C-alpha atoms as a PDB file:
ATOM      1  CA  MET A   1      55.466 -22.300  56.608  1.00  0.00           C
ATOM      2  CA  THR A   2      52.651 -21.089  55.752  1.00  0.00           C
ATOM      3  CA  SER A   3      48.945 -22.501  57.389  1.00  0.00           C
ATOM      4  CA  LYS A   4      45.701 -21.851  56.335  1.00  0.00           C
ATOM      5  CA  ASN A   5      44.278 -20.249  59.181  1.00  0.00           C
ATOM      6  CA  ASN A   6      47.251 -17.450  58.199  1.00  0.00           C
ATOM      7  CA  ILE A   7      47.475 -17.336  54.378  1.00  0.00           C
ATOM      8  CA  HIS A   8      44.539 -14.503  54.706  1.00  0.00           C
ATOM      9  CA  ASN A   9      46.445 -12.138  57.330  1.00  0.00           C
ATOM     10  CA  TYR A  10      46.912  -9.289  54.854  1.00  0.00           C
ATOM     11  CA  ASP A  11      44.397  -9.012  52.918  1.00  0.00           C
ATOM     12  CA  ASP A  12      43.152  -6.042  54.550  1.00  0.00           C
ATOM     13  CA  ILE A  13      46.660  -4.138  53.080  1.00  0.00           C
ATOM     14  CA  ILE A  14      47.217  -6.214  50.233  1.00  0.00           C
ATOM     15  CA  HIS A  15      45.752  -3.805  47.267  1.00  0.00           C
ATOM     16  CA  LEU A  16      46.543  -0.280  49.410  1.00  0.00           C
ATOM     17  CA  PRO A  17      48.403   1.842  47.051  1.00  0.00           C
ATOM     18  CA  HIS A  18      52.117   2.504  48.251  1.00  0.00           C
ATOM     19  CA  HIS A  19      52.568   5.219  50.980  1.00  0.00           C
ATOM     20  CA  GLN A  20      54.941   7.841  49.738  1.00  0.00           C
ATOM     21  CA  SER A  21      56.082  11.012  51.412  1.00  0.00           C
ATOM     22  CA  LYS A  22      54.560  14.665  51.997  1.00  0.00           C
ATOM     23  CA  THR A  23      57.510  15.585  53.096  1.00  0.00           C
ATOM     24  CA  ARG A  24      60.583  14.224  51.802  1.00  0.00           C
ATOM     25  CA  PRO A  25      61.246  13.581  47.949  1.00  0.00           C
ATOM     26  CA  HIS A  26      61.928   9.847  46.896  1.00  0.00           C
ATOM     27  CA  MET A  27      64.866   7.847  46.445  1.00  0.00           C
ATOM     28  CA  SER A  28      66.046   7.036  43.174  1.00  0.00           C
ATOM     29  CA  ILE A  29      67.146   2.879  43.646  1.00  0.00           C
ATOM     30  CA  TYR A  30      70.719   4.251  43.133  1.00  0.00           C
ATOM     31  CA  ASP A  31      70.984   6.302  46.168  1.00  0.00           C
ATOM     32  CA  ARG A  32      69.412   3.435  48.182  1.00  0.00           C
ATOM     33  CA  ALA A  33      71.943   0.838  46.724  1.00  0.00           C
ATOM     34  CA  ALA A  34      74.546   3.540  48.457  1.00  0.00           C
ATOM     35  CA  GLN A  35      73.463   3.626  51.185  1.00  0.00           C
ATOM     36  CA  PHE A  36      74.439  -0.427  51.842  1.00  0.00           C
ATOM     37  CA  SER A  37      77.739  -0.363  49.479  1.00  0.00           C
ATOM     38  CA  PRO A  38      80.073   0.513  52.275  1.00  0.00           C
ATOM     39  CA  PHE A  39      78.837  -1.933  54.391  1.00  0.00           C
ATOM     40  CA  SER A  40      81.154  -5.201  54.547  1.00  0.00           C
ATOM     41  CA  ALA A  41      80.137  -7.955  56.646  1.00  0.00           C
ATOM     42  CA  LEU A  42      83.986  -9.762  56.667  1.00  0.00           C
ATOM     43  CA  THR A  43      85.698  -6.904  56.823  1.00  0.00           C
ATOM     44  CA  GLY A  44      89.552  -7.982  55.641  1.00  0.00           C
ATOM     45  CA  TYR A  45      88.549 -11.307  53.978  1.00  0.00           C
ATOM     46  CA  ASP A  46      89.858 -10.017  50.702  1.00  0.00           C
ATOM     47  CA  ASP A  47      93.418  -9.436  53.072  1.00  0.00           C
ATOM     48  CA  VAL A  48      92.832 -12.944  54.132  1.00  0.00           C
ATOM     49  CA  LEU A  49      92.591 -14.415  50.773  1.00  0.00           C
ATOM     50  CA  LYS A  50      95.359 -12.275  48.505  1.00  0.00           C
ATOM     51  CA  ASP A  51      97.485 -13.205  51.585  1.00  0.00           C
ATOM     52  CA  ALA A  52      96.939 -17.073  51.517  1.00  0.00           C
ATOM     53  CA  ALA A  53      96.696 -16.772  47.365  1.00  0.00           C
ATOM     54  CA  LYS A  54     100.157 -15.598  48.040  1.00  0.00           C
ATOM     55  CA  GLN A  55     101.661 -17.834  50.421  1.00  0.00           C
ATOM     56  CA  ASN A  56     100.366 -19.902  47.952  1.00  0.00           C
ATOM     57  CA  GLU A  57     102.318 -18.361  45.170  1.00  0.00           C
ATOM     58  CA  GLU A  58     105.673 -19.087  47.553  1.00  0.00           C
ATOM     59  CA  TYR A  59     105.038 -22.765  48.295  1.00  0.00           C
ATOM     60  CA  MET A  60     104.102 -23.509  44.803  1.00  0.00           C
ATOM     61  CA  ASP A  61     107.749 -22.145  43.420  1.00  0.00           C
ATOM     62  CA  ASN A  62     109.937 -23.781  45.494  1.00  0.00           C
END
């Protein structure tokens, strides 16, 4: 929750231009997204779901 005292904390920097590195090329949005695509917080979760669905189908068939 924002209090009345800190509502203007960033007034001195809010209108400054966005920093661009002079030594590194700008990274495309696709390259930035690719950095995070291999990350999976729930490794193996898809396999567990598939196994549960398979067991459920076998149960329903019997």
